[in-house]
């Protein structure tokens, strides 16, 4: 059973940056899809970014293209978030194919 623990969330001003990390307790096969989702209050959980090794693709939601970057190093998945906007405020969840979900980390963008 893979357990995922996110970190790196917090309060940041508009235009600022944050780096989220998702550490897996076990080994994540390199073929597994990994990604980040987010859920704002009163809204559904939406895809932010995903790495699909089987297709050789990395996809982003249109709203974050050019600002967010997903990456992976062994058993840790990262989400670099730049030029943050108030509408990026949400709980961010890490995902690994299984499916496995992290507990979420709050990101608040506000002045």
N, C-alpha and C. Protein backbone atom coordinates (compact mmCIF):
# COMPACT_ATOMS: atom_id res chain seq x y z
N UNK A 1 0.85 -1.19 0.00
CA UNK A 1 0.00 0.00 0.00
C UNK A 1 0.88 1.24 0.00
N UNK A 2 0.75 2.05 -1.02
CA UNK A 2 1.53 3.28 -1.11
C UNK A 2 0.82 4.39 -0.35
N UNK A 3 1.54 5.07 0.49
CA UNK A 3 1.01 6.25 1.17
C UNK A 3 1.72 7.48 0.65
N UNK A 4 0.93 8.53 0.41
CA UNK A 4 1.45 9.77 -0.15
C UNK A 4 1.30 10.90 0.87
N UNK A 5 2.35 11.67 1.04
CA UNK A 5 2.33 12.79 1.97
C UNK A 5 2.76 14.05 1.23
N UNK A 6 1.82 15.01 1.15
CA UNK A 6 2.12 16.28 0.49
C UNK A 6 2.68 17.28 1.49
N UNK A 7 3.45 18.20 0.98
CA UNK A 7 3.97 19.31 1.79
C UNK A 7 4.26 20.49 0.87
N UNK A 8 4.47 21.65 1.49
CA UNK A 8 4.86 22.82 0.71
C UNK A 8 3.76 23.84 0.51
N UNK A 9 2.56 23.53 0.96
CA UNK A 9 1.48 24.49 0.81
C UNK A 9 1.64 25.64 1.80
N UNK A 10 0.76 26.65 1.65
CA UNK A 10 0.82 27.78 2.55
C UNK A 10 0.14 28.99 1.97
N UNK A 11 0.41 30.13 2.61
CA UNK A 11 -0.15 31.41 2.18
C UNK A 11 0.90 32.17 1.38
N UNK A 12 0.52 32.66 0.23
CA UNK A 12 1.46 33.40 -0.61
C UNK A 12 0.72 34.55 -1.28
N UNK A 13 1.44 35.64 -1.54
CA UNK A 13 0.83 36.78 -2.21
C UNK A 13 0.68 36.52 -3.71
N UNK A 14 -0.26 37.19 -4.35
CA UNK A 14 -0.37 37.06 -5.81
C UNK A 14 0.96 37.38 -6.49
N UNK A 15 1.29 36.55 -7.47
CA UNK A 15 2.56 36.70 -8.16
C UNK A 15 3.69 35.89 -7.56
N UNK A 16 3.45 35.33 -6.40
CA UNK A 16 4.48 34.55 -5.71
C UNK A 16 4.57 33.12 -6.21
N UNK A 17 5.45 32.37 -5.56
CA UNK A 17 5.70 30.99 -5.96
C UNK A 17 5.65 30.05 -4.76
N UNK A 18 5.29 28.82 -5.05
CA UNK A 18 5.34 27.74 -4.07
C UNK A 18 5.78 26.47 -4.79
N UNK A 19 6.41 25.58 -4.04
CA UNK A 19 6.76 24.27 -4.58
C UNK A 19 6.14 23.20 -3.70
N UNK A 20 5.24 22.43 -4.27
CA UNK A 20 4.63 21.34 -3.54
C UNK A 20 5.43 20.06 -3.76
N UNK A 21 5.50 19.24 -2.71
CA UNK A 21 6.17 17.95 -2.80
C UNK A 21 5.21 16.86 -2.37
N UNK A 22 5.37 15.70 -2.95
CA UNK A 22 4.54 14.54 -2.61
C UNK A 22 5.49 13.35 -2.47
N UNK A 23 5.68 12.92 -1.24
CA UNK A 23 6.61 11.82 -0.98
C UNK A 23 5.83 10.53 -0.79
N UNK A 24 6.24 9.50 -1.52
CA UNK A 24 5.60 8.20 -1.40
C UNK A 24 6.34 7.33 -0.40
N UNK A 25 5.56 6.56 0.37
CA UNK A 25 6.17 5.69 1.38
C UNK A 25 6.82 4.47 0.75
N UNK A 26 6.32 4.10 -0.42
CA UNK A 26 6.88 2.95 -1.10
C UNK A 26 7.40 3.33 -2.47
N UNK A 27 7.77 2.33 -3.21
CA UNK A 27 8.31 2.58 -4.54
C UNK A 27 7.19 2.82 -5.55
N UNK A 28 7.37 3.81 -6.38
CA UNK A 28 6.42 4.10 -7.46
C UNK A 28 7.03 3.61 -8.76
N UNK A 29 6.43 2.61 -9.39
CA UNK A 29 6.98 2.16 -10.67
C UNK A 29 7.06 3.30 -11.66
N UNK A 30 8.13 3.33 -12.42
CA UNK A 30 8.34 4.44 -13.35
C UNK A 30 7.25 4.53 -14.39
N UNK A 31 6.50 3.46 -14.61
CA UNK A 31 5.46 3.45 -15.62
C UNK A 31 4.16 4.07 -15.10
N UNK A 32 4.07 4.28 -13.79
CA UNK A 32 2.82 4.77 -13.21
C UNK A 32 2.57 6.24 -13.53
N UNK A 33 1.32 6.53 -13.84
CA UNK A 33 0.88 7.91 -13.99
C UNK A 33 0.88 8.59 -12.63
N UNK A 34 1.39 9.81 -12.59
CA UNK A 34 1.40 10.61 -11.37
C UNK A 34 0.88 12.00 -11.72
N UNK A 35 0.26 12.65 -10.72
CA UNK A 35 -0.28 13.97 -11.02
C UNK A 35 -0.69 14.75 -9.80
N UNK A 36 -1.17 15.93 -10.06
CA UNK A 36 -1.69 16.83 -9.02
C UNK A 36 -3.09 17.27 -9.42
N UNK A 37 -3.98 17.26 -8.44
CA UNK A 37 -5.34 17.75 -8.59
C UNK A 37 -5.55 18.85 -7.55
N UNK A 38 -6.61 19.63 -7.73
CA UNK A 38 -6.95 20.63 -6.72
C UNK A 38 -8.46 20.76 -6.59
N UNK A 39 -8.87 21.17 -5.41
CA UNK A 39 -10.28 21.34 -5.13
C UNK A 39 -10.49 22.62 -4.34
N UNK A 40 -11.20 23.54 -4.95
CA UNK A 40 -11.55 24.80 -4.29
C UNK A 40 -12.87 24.61 -3.55
N UNK A 41 -13.16 25.44 -2.54
CA UNK A 41 -14.40 25.31 -1.78
C UNK A 41 -15.62 25.34 -2.69
N UNK A 42 -16.51 24.36 -2.52
CA UNK A 42 -17.74 24.32 -3.28
C UNK A 42 -17.59 23.84 -4.71
N UNK A 43 -16.38 23.42 -5.07
CA UNK A 43 -16.14 22.97 -6.44
C UNK A 43 -15.65 21.53 -6.47
N UNK A 44 -15.65 20.95 -7.67
CA UNK A 44 -15.17 19.58 -7.83
C UNK A 44 -13.64 19.56 -7.86
N UNK A 45 -13.10 18.36 -7.64
CA UNK A 45 -11.66 18.18 -7.73
C UNK A 45 -11.26 18.12 -9.22
N UNK A 46 -10.34 18.98 -9.61
CA UNK A 46 -9.95 19.10 -11.01
C UNK A 46 -8.48 18.76 -11.20
N UNK A 47 -8.18 18.24 -12.38
CA UNK A 47 -6.81 17.95 -12.73
C UNK A 47 -6.02 19.24 -12.92
N UNK A 48 -4.81 19.27 -12.36
CA UNK A 48 -3.90 20.41 -12.54
C UNK A 48 -2.79 20.03 -13.52
N UNK A 49 -2.14 18.92 -13.25
CA UNK A 49 -1.02 18.48 -14.09
C UNK A 49 -0.83 16.98 -13.91
N UNK A 50 -0.37 16.32 -14.97
CA UNK A 50 -0.20 14.87 -14.92
C UNK A 50 0.95 14.45 -15.81
N UNK A 51 1.69 13.45 -15.35
CA UNK A 51 2.75 12.81 -16.15
C UNK A 51 2.25 11.41 -16.50
N UNK A 52 2.18 11.11 -17.80
CA UNK A 52 1.71 9.81 -18.26
C UNK A 52 2.86 9.11 -18.96
N UNK A 53 3.67 8.35 -18.25
CA UNK A 53 4.86 7.73 -18.85
C UNK A 53 4.54 6.81 -20.02
N UNK A 54 3.42 6.10 -19.95
CA UNK A 54 3.08 5.14 -21.01
C UNK A 54 2.84 5.83 -22.35
N UNK A 55 2.47 7.11 -22.29
CA UNK A 55 2.24 7.88 -23.51
C UNK A 55 3.36 8.86 -23.79
N UNK A 56 4.28 8.99 -22.85
CA UNK A 56 5.36 9.96 -22.99
C UNK A 56 4.85 11.38 -22.97
N UNK A 57 3.81 11.64 -22.18
CA UNK A 57 3.18 12.95 -22.20
C UNK A 57 3.10 13.56 -20.82
N UNK A 58 3.11 14.88 -20.80
CA UNK A 58 2.84 15.66 -19.61
C UNK A 58 1.76 16.66 -19.98
N UNK A 59 0.65 16.64 -19.24
CA UNK A 59 -0.48 17.52 -19.56
C UNK A 59 -0.76 18.49 -18.41
N UNK A 60 -1.23 19.65 -18.78
CA UNK A 60 -1.59 20.69 -17.81
C UNK A 60 -2.98 21.22 -18.09
N UNK A 61 -3.66 21.63 -17.02
CA UNK A 61 -4.90 22.36 -17.20
C UNK A 61 -4.58 23.68 -17.89
N UNK A 62 -5.49 24.14 -18.74
CA UNK A 62 -5.24 25.38 -19.47
C UNK A 62 -4.96 26.55 -18.53
N UNK A 63 -5.60 26.54 -17.38
CA UNK A 63 -5.48 27.66 -16.45
C UNK A 63 -4.10 27.77 -15.81
N UNK A 64 -3.29 26.72 -15.90
CA UNK A 64 -1.97 26.76 -15.25
C UNK A 64 -0.82 26.63 -16.25
N UNK A 65 -1.12 26.44 -17.51
CA UNK A 65 -0.06 26.30 -18.51
C UNK A 65 0.86 27.51 -18.51
N UNK A 66 2.15 27.25 -18.54
CA UNK A 66 3.13 28.33 -18.54
C UNK A 66 3.48 28.85 -17.16
N UNK A 67 2.72 28.44 -16.14
CA UNK A 67 2.99 28.89 -14.77
C UNK A 67 3.39 27.76 -13.84
N UNK A 68 2.83 26.58 -14.06
CA UNK A 68 3.09 25.42 -13.20
C UNK A 68 3.93 24.40 -13.95
N UNK A 69 4.77 23.68 -13.20
CA UNK A 69 5.58 22.62 -13.78
C UNK A 69 5.54 21.40 -12.87
N UNK A 70 5.16 20.26 -13.42
CA UNK A 70 5.18 19.02 -12.68
C UNK A 70 6.46 18.27 -13.01
N UNK A 71 7.02 17.63 -11.98
CA UNK A 71 8.22 16.83 -12.20
C UNK A 71 8.24 15.68 -11.21
N UNK A 72 9.17 14.78 -11.45
CA UNK A 72 9.25 13.59 -10.60
C UNK A 72 10.69 13.16 -10.44
N UNK A 73 11.04 12.80 -9.21
CA UNK A 73 12.37 12.27 -8.94
C UNK A 73 12.19 11.04 -8.06
N UNK A 74 12.41 9.89 -8.62
CA UNK A 74 12.22 8.61 -7.93
C UNK A 74 10.82 8.55 -7.33
N UNK A 75 10.72 8.56 -6.03
CA UNK A 75 9.43 8.38 -5.37
C UNK A 75 8.83 9.68 -4.84
N UNK A 76 9.22 10.79 -5.40
CA UNK A 76 8.67 12.08 -5.01
C UNK A 76 8.18 12.81 -6.26
N UNK A 77 7.00 13.39 -6.15
CA UNK A 77 6.41 14.16 -7.24
C UNK A 77 6.35 15.63 -6.80
N UNK A 78 6.70 16.52 -7.68
CA UNK A 78 6.76 17.95 -7.36
C UNK A 78 5.79 18.73 -8.25
N UNK A 79 5.38 19.87 -7.72
CA UNK A 79 4.61 20.83 -8.50
C UNK A 79 5.17 22.21 -8.20
N UNK A 80 5.90 22.77 -9.16
CA UNK A 80 6.41 24.14 -9.03
C UNK A 80 5.34 25.08 -9.54
N UNK A 81 4.93 26.01 -8.69
CA UNK A 81 3.86 26.94 -9.04
C UNK A 81 4.40 28.35 -9.00
N UNK A 82 4.40 29.02 -10.14
CA UNK A 82 4.87 30.39 -10.25
C UNK A 82 3.74 31.31 -10.66
N UNK A 83 3.95 32.60 -10.48
CA UNK A 83 2.94 33.60 -10.87
C UNK A 83 1.56 33.23 -10.34
N UNK A 84 1.51 32.92 -9.07
CA UNK A 84 0.25 32.44 -8.48
C UNK A 84 -0.81 33.53 -8.48
N UNK A 85 -2.05 33.09 -8.64
CA UNK A 85 -3.21 33.98 -8.70
C UNK A 85 -4.19 33.59 -7.59
N UNK A 86 -5.03 34.50 -7.17
CA UNK A 86 -6.03 34.16 -6.15
C UNK A 86 -6.88 32.96 -6.54
N UNK A 87 -7.15 32.80 -7.83
CA UNK A 87 -7.98 31.67 -8.27
C UNK A 87 -7.26 30.33 -8.19
N UNK A 88 -5.98 30.35 -7.86
CA UNK A 88 -5.26 29.10 -7.63
C UNK A 88 -5.48 28.58 -6.21
N UNK A 89 -6.16 29.36 -5.39
CA UNK A 89 -6.43 28.93 -4.02
C UNK A 89 -7.27 27.66 -4.00
N UNK A 90 -6.77 26.64 -3.31
CA UNK A 90 -7.45 25.34 -3.27
C UNK A 90 -6.65 24.39 -2.38
N UNK A 91 -7.24 23.24 -2.12
CA UNK A 91 -6.49 22.14 -1.52
C UNK A 91 -5.92 21.32 -2.69
N UNK A 92 -4.63 21.09 -2.64
CA UNK A 92 -3.94 20.37 -3.71
C UNK A 92 -3.66 18.94 -3.26
N UNK A 93 -4.00 17.99 -4.14
CA UNK A 93 -3.86 16.58 -3.84
C UNK A 93 -2.91 15.91 -4.83
N UNK A 94 -2.06 15.08 -4.30
CA UNK A 94 -1.16 14.28 -5.13
C UNK A 94 -1.86 12.98 -5.49
N UNK A 95 -1.60 12.50 -6.70
CA UNK A 95 -2.21 11.27 -7.20
C UNK A 95 -1.15 10.37 -7.82
N UNK A 96 -1.25 9.08 -7.51
CA UNK A 96 -0.42 8.07 -8.16
C UNK A 96 -1.35 6.94 -8.59
N UNK A 97 -1.14 6.43 -9.78
CA UNK A 97 -1.99 5.35 -10.30
C UNK A 97 -2.10 4.22 -9.30
N UNK A 98 -3.32 3.76 -9.09
CA UNK A 98 -3.59 2.67 -8.14
C UNK A 98 -5.08 2.50 -7.95
N UNK A 99 -5.85 3.54 -7.55
CA UNK A 99 -5.31 4.89 -7.31
C UNK A 99 -4.89 5.13 -5.86
N UNK A 100 -3.96 6.02 -5.71
CA UNK A 100 -3.52 6.44 -4.39
C UNK A 100 -3.60 7.97 -4.32
N UNK A 101 -4.09 8.46 -3.21
CA UNK A 101 -4.24 9.90 -3.01
C UNK A 101 -3.55 10.33 -1.72
N UNK A 102 -3.00 11.54 -1.76
CA UNK A 102 -2.48 12.14 -0.54
C UNK A 102 -3.61 12.78 0.24
N UNK A 103 -3.26 13.34 1.40
CA UNK A 103 -4.27 13.93 2.28
C UNK A 103 -4.60 15.37 1.87
N UNK A 104 -3.80 15.94 1.03
CA UNK A 104 -4.04 17.30 0.56
C UNK A 104 -3.23 18.33 1.32
N UNK A 105 -2.89 19.41 0.63
CA UNK A 105 -2.19 20.54 1.25
C UNK A 105 -2.85 21.83 0.77
N UNK A 106 -3.09 22.73 1.70
CA UNK A 106 -3.81 23.96 1.38
C UNK A 106 -2.87 24.98 0.75
N UNK A 107 -3.30 25.56 -0.35
CA UNK A 107 -2.60 26.68 -0.98
C UNK A 107 -3.56 27.86 -1.00
N UNK A 108 -3.14 28.97 -0.40
CA UNK A 108 -3.96 30.18 -0.36
C UNK A 108 -3.17 31.32 -0.98
N UNK A 109 -3.75 31.93 -2.00
CA UNK A 109 -3.10 33.06 -2.67
C UNK A 109 -3.91 34.31 -2.36
N UNK A 110 -3.34 35.19 -1.58
CA UNK A 110 -4.08 36.37 -1.13
C UNK A 110 -3.11 37.44 -0.69
N UNK A 111 -3.52 38.69 -0.89
CA UNK A 111 -2.71 39.81 -0.41
C UNK A 111 -3.18 40.25 0.97
